């Protein structure tokens, strides 16, 4: 089948319908000028922390202005498009202990890996910085690190790890941490109830496997579900429900094709692997994910919001038991790559664009 015809066929297989009514909102730009940002996190006091990949700096946005970079961030490898400082999240008890967790690329171009560390944040610097986890083995490519972070309900930490691009077969190798979802304690130890055992005995940090380039992870504390999304090659971006010990198929099964136009795999489904909740073909390149829980729009309660880079939008996804997923494209008129998304303490939706613009959407007065 010719590539154009194949893509058209794949588009027809994506099961979704557009939401009929879009909630009313207004958009306000609150910051500009972040250089090559990857992630941000709202703080309880209304400030934001923003990571910059290529500079390796963690910035604080306060009261409408950017303050000097936070001291104490370890040095990261900042070569290439995928390197440098990556994700940043708050400890679940941040208000009491002031710990933040962050991921970055550690090592050299010929031997690098995702590393996760934490530090105690005082508004200007980090203290008590310690390494929590370093992915093994190292690789000699900077592509597809993953490096997203999330705490789940039992207090353990989830780390997404990409396949390294040239090492995609390692996503199926349980002796390698590439192409995996990792679960460790807040101090980096391996929980005794992780599903896999190492060849020499002891538990593996691997929680699930068979992922490609996972740039979104989200834990829903209401339902107890863990969601992950990842970029496919050409097509086949996926939204997955992550469960203990499961195989999500890459590269045995995919709805995408290789960049050369050849098949990665002849299979869209493969025995023993999980199917995605949704897939997108052509690719929208998902990045970042958040969820409305008691946000400003009651009609959005429980919905997922996913930034899209190639798609230049935020995609709202409604998942209801017994119903086909519904989707709505937001902010397409901004014509910008959407890098990360969060609901703030005020219930507004905050979006970080790839060009360094941070804006917020608030519910319009008088809208129901």
Protein backbone atom coordinates (compact mmCIF):
# COMPACT_ATOMS: atom_id res chain seq x y z
CA UNK A 1 0.00 0.00 0.00
CA UNK A 2 1.33 3.44 -0.89
CA UNK A 3 2.17 5.64 2.08
CA UNK A 4 -0.53 8.29 1.40
CA UNK A 5 -3.23 5.66 1.09
CA UNK A 6 -1.96 3.90 4.19
CA UNK A 7 -2.09 7.10 6.24
CA UNK A 8 -5.61 7.82 5.04
CA UNK A 9 -6.68 4.35 6.08
CA UNK A 10 -5.10 4.77 9.50
CA UNK A 11 -6.82 8.11 10.08
CA UNK A 12 -10.16 6.42 9.43
CA UNK A 13 -9.43 3.90 12.19
CA UNK A 14 -8.99 6.45 14.97
CA UNK A 15 -12.12 6.17 17.11
CA UNK A 16 -13.18 9.58 18.33
CA UNK A 17 -15.83 12.22 17.92
CA UNK A 18 -15.51 15.93 18.53
CA UNK A 19 -17.14 17.31 21.65
CA UNK A 20 -20.21 19.21 20.60
CA UNK A 21 -19.85 22.22 22.90
CA UNK A 22 -16.64 24.03 23.75
CA UNK A 23 -16.48 25.78 27.11
CA UNK A 24 -16.03 29.55 27.04
CA UNK A 25 -12.62 30.86 28.08
CA UNK A 26 -10.35 33.85 27.66
CA UNK A 27 -6.59 33.74 27.15
CA UNK A 28 -3.99 35.96 28.82
CA UNK A 29 -0.24 35.82 28.14
CA UNK A 30 1.53 36.05 31.49
CA UNK A 31 5.18 35.49 30.54
CA UNK A 32 7.49 35.48 27.52
CA UNK A 33 11.11 34.75 26.77
CA UNK A 34 11.76 31.32 28.25
CA UNK A 35 14.54 29.76 26.18
CA UNK A 36 13.92 26.25 24.86
CA UNK A 37 11.56 25.27 27.72
CA UNK A 38 10.61 21.68 28.46
CA UNK A 39 8.37 21.72 31.53
CA UNK A 40 6.88 23.93 34.22
CA UNK A 41 5.06 23.41 37.49
CA UNK A 42 2.76 25.81 39.37
CA UNK A 43 3.68 26.44 43.01
CA UNK A 44 1.07 26.84 45.77
CA UNK A 45 1.91 30.55 46.14
CA UNK A 46 1.18 31.31 42.48
CA UNK A 47 4.79 31.21 41.27
CA UNK A 48 6.02 28.84 38.58
CA UNK A 49 9.20 26.84 38.08
CA UNK A 50 10.26 26.42 34.44
CA UNK A 51 12.98 24.14 33.06
CA UNK A 52 15.14 25.17 30.12
CA UNK A 53 16.66 22.28 28.22
CA UNK A 54 19.70 23.66 26.45
CA UNK A 55 20.79 26.01 29.23
CA UNK A 56 20.17 23.41 31.94
CA UNK A 57 18.63 26.13 34.11
CA UNK A 58 15.63 26.08 36.41
CA UNK A 59 13.84 29.44 36.40
CA UNK A 60 11.31 30.96 38.79
CA UNK A 61 8.53 33.19 37.53
CA UNK A 62 7.22 35.46 40.26
CA UNK A 63 4.65 38.27 40.21
CA UNK A 64 4.91 38.81 36.49
CA UNK A 65 8.68 38.65 36.17
CA UNK A 66 11.44 36.10 35.80
CA UNK A 67 13.88 35.87 38.71
CA UNK A 68 17.52 34.69 38.49
CA UNK A 69 17.99 30.93 37.90
CA UNK A 70 17.70 28.64 40.91
CA UNK A 71 21.11 27.74 42.34
CA UNK A 72 22.04 24.14 43.12
CA UNK A 73 20.81 22.41 39.97
CA UNK A 74 23.35 19.74 38.94
CA UNK A 75 25.11 20.18 35.62
CA UNK A 76 23.43 18.38 32.73
CA UNK A 77 24.50 17.40 29.23
CA UNK A 78 23.04 20.18 27.09
CA UNK A 79 24.02 19.10 23.58
CA UNK A 80 21.36 18.35 20.98
CA UNK A 81 17.59 18.83 20.87
CA UNK A 82 16.73 16.22 23.51
CA UNK A 83 19.39 16.90 26.15
CA UNK A 84 19.61 19.17 29.18
CA UNK A 85 17.18 19.77 32.04
CA UNK A 86 13.85 18.02 31.52
CA UNK A 87 10.88 17.64 33.88
CA UNK A 88 10.17 19.19 37.29
CA UNK A 89 7.47 18.19 39.79
CA UNK A 90 6.62 18.80 43.44
CA UNK A 91 6.79 16.21 46.20
CA UNK A 92 3.22 15.35 47.35
CA UNK A 93 4.04 16.93 50.72
CA UNK A 94 5.78 19.96 49.18
CA UNK A 95 4.03 22.42 51.48
CA UNK A 96 5.72 20.74 54.45
CA UNK A 97 9.09 19.53 53.10
CA UNK A 98 9.68 21.86 50.08
CA UNK A 99 11.20 19.05 47.98
CA UNK A 100 11.13 19.27 44.19
CA UNK A 101 12.09 16.42 41.86
CA UNK A 102 13.64 16.99 38.46
CA UNK A 103 15.09 14.97 35.59
CA UNK A 104 18.04 15.75 33.35
CA UNK A 105 20.44 14.13 30.92
CA UNK A 106 23.59 13.02 32.69
CA UNK A 107 26.93 11.97 31.20
CA UNK A 108 28.53 12.50 27.80
CA UNK A 109 27.34 12.25 24.22
CA UNK A 110 28.86 8.77 24.01
CA UNK A 111 27.53 7.55 27.38
CA UNK A 112 24.46 9.34 28.72
CA UNK A 113 21.31 8.52 30.64
CA UNK A 114 18.27 10.08 32.26
CA UNK A 115 18.97 10.95 35.89
CA UNK A 116 16.41 12.01 38.50
CA UNK A 117 17.35 14.08 41.54
CA UNK A 118 15.61 16.01 44.27
CA UNK A 119 16.41 19.08 46.33
CA UNK A 120 14.88 21.28 48.99
CA UNK A 121 13.65 24.52 47.43
CA UNK A 122 13.69 27.81 49.37
CA UNK A 123 12.66 30.15 46.57
CA UNK A 124 16.19 30.91 45.39
CA UNK A 125 18.30 27.74 45.61
CA UNK A 126 18.24 24.00 46.20
CA UNK A 127 19.84 22.33 49.21
CA UNK A 128 20.10 18.67 50.24
CA UNK A 129 20.37 17.71 46.57
CA UNK A 130 20.63 13.96 46.03
CA UNK A 131 20.42 11.60 43.08
CA UNK A 132 17.30 9.43 43.19
CA UNK A 133 17.70 7.26 40.10
CA UNK A 134 19.90 6.93 37.00
CA UNK A 135 18.70 4.91 34.03
CA UNK A 136 20.78 1.92 32.96
CA UNK A 137 22.39 1.22 30.57
CA UNK A 138 23.88 4.43 29.20
CA UNK A 139 23.51 5.07 25.47
CA UNK A 140 25.43 6.92 22.78
CA UNK A 141 22.42 8.76 21.39
CA UNK A 142 20.54 11.73 22.85
CA UNK A 143 17.23 10.93 21.18
CA UNK A 144 14.04 9.83 22.95
CA UNK A 145 14.94 10.20 26.63
CA UNK A 146 11.36 10.41 27.91
CA UNK A 147 12.20 11.74 31.41
CA UNK A 148 8.70 12.65 32.61
CA UNK A 149 7.91 12.27 36.32
CA UNK A 150 4.81 11.65 38.45
CA UNK A 151 4.01 10.56 41.98
CA UNK A 152 1.22 8.02 42.33
CA UNK A 153 -1.18 7.32 45.18
CA UNK A 154 1.08 5.07 47.24
CA UNK A 155 3.83 7.71 47.30
CA UNK A 156 6.10 6.00 44.79
CA UNK A 157 7.68 7.84 41.87
CA UNK A 158 7.05 7.03 38.20
CA UNK A 159 9.75 7.83 35.61
CA UNK A 160 9.20 7.50 31.88
CA UNK A 161 12.19 6.34 29.83
CA UNK A 162 12.33 6.46 26.03
CA UNK A 163 13.82 3.84 23.74
CA UNK A 164 16.84 5.95 22.71
CA UNK A 165 15.63 5.84 19.07
CA UNK A 166 18.44 3.64 17.73
CA UNK A 167 17.78 1.11 20.51
CA UNK A 168 14.08 0.52 19.98
CA UNK A 169 14.37 -3.27 20.37
CA UNK A 170 15.48 -2.68 23.97
CA UNK A 171 11.93 -1.61 24.80
CA UNK A 172 11.11 -5.35 24.85
CA UNK A 173 14.22 -6.35 26.80
CA UNK A 174 13.54 -6.55 30.54
CA UNK A 175 17.29 -6.44 31.24
CA UNK A 176 17.39 -2.87 29.87
CA UNK A 177 15.57 0.16 31.28
CA UNK A 178 15.17 1.79 27.85
CA UNK A 179 11.60 2.02 26.59
CA UNK A 180 10.17 1.48 30.07
CA UNK A 181 7.98 2.91 32.80
CA UNK A 182 10.04 2.90 36.01
CA UNK A 183 8.67 2.83 39.57
CA UNK A 184 10.82 3.58 42.62
CA UNK A 185 10.33 4.99 46.10
CA UNK A 186 10.78 8.70 46.77
CA UNK A 187 14.39 7.93 47.71
CA UNK A 188 15.04 5.72 44.68
CA UNK A 189 14.72 2.24 46.18
CA UNK A 190 12.89 -0.50 44.28
CA UNK A 191 9.52 -1.41 45.84
CA UNK A 192 9.09 -5.04 46.84
CA UNK A 193 5.84 -5.33 44.85
CA UNK A 194 7.31 -4.33 41.47
CA UNK A 195 6.38 -7.02 38.93
CA UNK A 196 9.74 -8.18 37.52
CA UNK A 197 12.69 -9.99 39.09
CA UNK A 198 16.30 -9.33 38.07
CA UNK A 199 18.36 -12.27 36.74
CA UNK A 200 20.51 -12.26 39.88
CA UNK A 201 17.54 -11.92 42.21
CA UNK A 202 15.86 -8.86 43.64
CA UNK A 203 13.15 -6.70 42.13
CA UNK A 204 13.57 -4.68 38.95
CA UNK A 205 12.60 -0.97 38.89
CA UNK A 206 10.55 -1.67 35.73
CA UNK A 207 6.80 -1.25 36.20
CA UNK A 208 5.70 -1.57 32.55
CA UNK A 209 7.46 -1.77 29.18
CA UNK A 210 7.23 -1.51 25.41
CA UNK A 211 7.04 2.31 25.11
CA UNK A 212 8.74 4.53 22.53
CA UNK A 213 9.11 8.23 23.43
CA UNK A 214 6.88 8.89 26.47
CA UNK A 215 6.52 12.64 26.95
CA UNK A 216 3.49 12.59 29.23
CA UNK A 217 2.59 10.80 32.47
CA UNK A 218 -0.33 11.56 34.77
CA UNK A 219 -1.79 9.94 37.87
CA UNK A 220 -5.51 10.44 38.50
CA UNK A 221 -5.91 10.28 42.27
CA UNK A 222 -9.70 10.03 41.96
CA UNK A 223 -9.78 6.89 39.81
CA UNK A 224 -6.33 5.53 40.70
CA UNK A 225 -5.45 5.33 37.00
CA UNK A 226 -2.04 6.10 35.53
CA UNK A 227 -2.03 7.54 32.01
CA UNK A 228 0.96 7.78 29.65
CA UNK A 229 1.30 9.18 26.16
CA UNK A 230 4.10 8.79 23.67
CA UNK A 231 5.21 9.94 20.25
CA UNK A 232 5.01 7.40 17.46
CA UNK A 233 7.28 7.44 14.40
CA UNK A 234 5.12 8.64 11.47
CA UNK A 235 1.71 8.28 13.05
CA UNK A 236 0.87 6.04 15.94
CA UNK A 237 1.13 8.53 18.80
CA UNK A 238 -0.51 6.75 21.73
CA UNK A 239 -2.45 7.42 24.91
CA UNK A 240 -2.15 4.42 27.24
CA UNK A 241 -3.60 3.28 30.53
CA UNK A 242 -0.50 2.03 32.37
CA UNK A 243 -0.93 -1.07 34.51
CA UNK A 244 1.51 -3.18 36.48
CA UNK A 245 3.66 -5.52 34.43
CA UNK A 246 2.01 -4.82 31.09
CA UNK A 247 3.66 -4.65 27.66
CA UNK A 248 2.58 -1.72 25.46
CA UNK A 249 3.89 -3.22 22.27
CA UNK A 250 6.66 -1.03 20.90
CA UNK A 251 8.19 -1.97 18.48
CA UNK A 252 6.30 -5.28 18.04
CA UNK A 253 3.05 -3.47 17.26
CA UNK A 254 2.45 0.12 16.19
CA UNK A 255 -0.01 2.25 14.24
CA UNK A 256 2.89 4.27 12.82
CA UNK A 257 5.49 3.65 10.12
CA UNK A 258 9.22 4.39 9.96
CA UNK A 259 10.59 7.74 8.83
CA UNK A 260 11.83 6.10 5.63
CA UNK A 261 8.28 5.05 4.80
CA UNK A 262 8.96 1.41 5.63
CA UNK A 263 7.11 -0.62 8.24
CA UNK A 264 8.45 -0.71 11.78
CA UNK A 265 6.26 -3.76 12.27
CA UNK A 266 3.57 -5.42 10.15
CA UNK A 267 1.42 -5.65 13.30
CA UNK A 268 -0.96 -3.14 14.79
CA UNK A 269 -1.83 -5.62 17.49
CA UNK A 270 0.40 -8.35 18.89
CA UNK A 271 -0.37 -11.16 21.33
CA UNK A 272 0.52 -10.28 24.91
CA UNK A 273 0.60 -6.52 24.33
CA UNK A 274 -1.88 -3.82 25.32
CA UNK A 275 -3.69 -1.62 22.85
CA UNK A 276 -3.74 2.17 23.37
CA UNK A 277 -6.83 3.98 24.59
CA UNK A 278 -6.30 6.33 21.64
CA UNK A 279 -3.81 6.77 18.86
CA UNK A 280 -3.21 9.67 16.51
CA UNK A 281 -2.31 9.29 12.85
CA UNK A 282 -0.96 11.52 11.37
CA UNK A 283 1.14 12.39 14.42
CA UNK A 284 0.24 15.31 16.66
CA UNK A 285 3.39 14.82 18.82
CA UNK A 286 1.92 14.91 22.34
CA UNK A 287 3.92 16.63 25.08
CA UNK A 288 2.83 17.21 28.66
CA UNK A 289 -0.51 16.23 30.18
CA UNK A 290 -2.81 17.47 32.91
CA UNK A 291 -6.31 16.80 34.19
CA UNK A 292 -9.23 18.93 35.31
CA UNK A 293 -10.04 18.15 38.92
CA UNK A 294 -12.18 20.90 40.43
CA UNK A 295 -10.95 23.37 37.81
CA UNK A 296 -12.87 26.48 36.69
CA UNK A 297 -14.96 24.45 34.21
CA UNK A 298 -17.25 21.86 35.84
CA UNK A 299 -18.06 20.51 32.37
CA UNK A 300 -14.38 19.53 32.00
CA UNK A 301 -14.22 17.58 35.25
CA UNK A 302 -12.03 14.50 34.83
CA UNK A 303 -10.96 15.34 31.27
CA UNK A 304 -7.34 15.04 30.15
CA UNK A 305 -5.53 17.93 28.46
CA UNK A 306 -2.52 17.14 26.29
CA UNK A 307 -0.16 19.62 24.67
CA UNK A 308 0.55 18.90 21.02
CA UNK A 309 3.77 19.99 19.33
CA UNK A 310 3.24 19.12 15.66
CA UNK A 311 -0.52 19.50 16.11
CA UNK A 312 -0.13 23.05 17.54
CA UNK A 313 -3.03 22.71 19.96
CA UNK A 314 -4.08 21.42 23.34
CA UNK A 315 -6.20 18.32 22.90
CA UNK A 316 -9.02 17.78 25.41
CA UNK A 317 -9.81 14.09 25.83
CA UNK A 318 -12.97 12.87 27.53
CA UNK A 319 -12.93 9.25 28.71
CA UNK A 320 -16.20 7.82 30.00
CA UNK A 321 -16.92 4.18 30.82
CA UNK A 322 -18.87 2.51 28.04
CA UNK A 323 -18.45 5.43 25.64
CA UNK A 324 -16.08 6.16 22.79
CA UNK A 325 -13.43 8.75 23.70
CA UNK A 326 -14.29 12.30 22.71
CA UNK A 327 -11.76 14.93 21.70
CA UNK A 328 -11.64 18.66 21.19
CA UNK A 329 -8.81 20.82 19.85
CA UNK A 330 -8.16 24.00 21.87
CA UNK A 331 -6.01 27.08 21.15
CA UNK A 332 -5.40 26.21 17.48
CA UNK A 333 -5.67 29.91 16.67
CA UNK A 334 -2.36 30.52 18.50
CA UNK A 335 -0.47 28.54 15.83
CA UNK A 336 2.12 27.42 18.39
CA UNK A 337 3.71 24.18 19.53
CA UNK A 338 2.30 23.41 22.97
CA UNK A 339 5.05 22.01 25.21
CA UNK A 340 3.49 21.57 28.67
CA UNK A 341 0.13 22.05 30.40
CA UNK A 342 -1.06 22.35 34.01
CA UNK A 343 -4.08 23.47 35.96
CA UNK A 344 -3.00 25.98 38.58
CA UNK A 345 -4.15 26.40 42.19
CA UNK A 346 -6.70 28.92 40.90
CA UNK A 347 -8.28 26.33 38.59
CA UNK A 348 -7.10 28.12 35.44
CA UNK A 349 -5.44 26.18 32.63
CA UNK A 350 -1.80 27.20 32.10
CA UNK A 351 0.01 26.36 28.87
CA UNK A 352 3.71 26.67 28.02
CA UNK A 353 4.45 27.11 24.33
CA UNK A 354 7.62 25.83 22.72
CA UNK A 355 8.54 29.42 21.77
CA UNK A 356 8.80 30.40 25.45
CA UNK A 357 5.35 31.97 25.92
CA UNK A 358 3.33 31.03 29.01
CA UNK A 359 -0.39 31.80 28.93
CA UNK A 360 -3.43 31.01 31.00
CA UNK A 361 -7.03 30.32 30.06
CA UNK A 362 -9.73 31.37 32.49
CA UNK A 363 -13.45 30.85 32.40
CA UNK A 364 -15.29 33.77 30.91
CA UNK A 365 -17.52 35.65 33.33
CA UNK A 366 -21.14 34.75 32.98
CA UNK A 367 -20.56 31.51 31.10
CA UNK A 368 -22.34 28.46 32.47
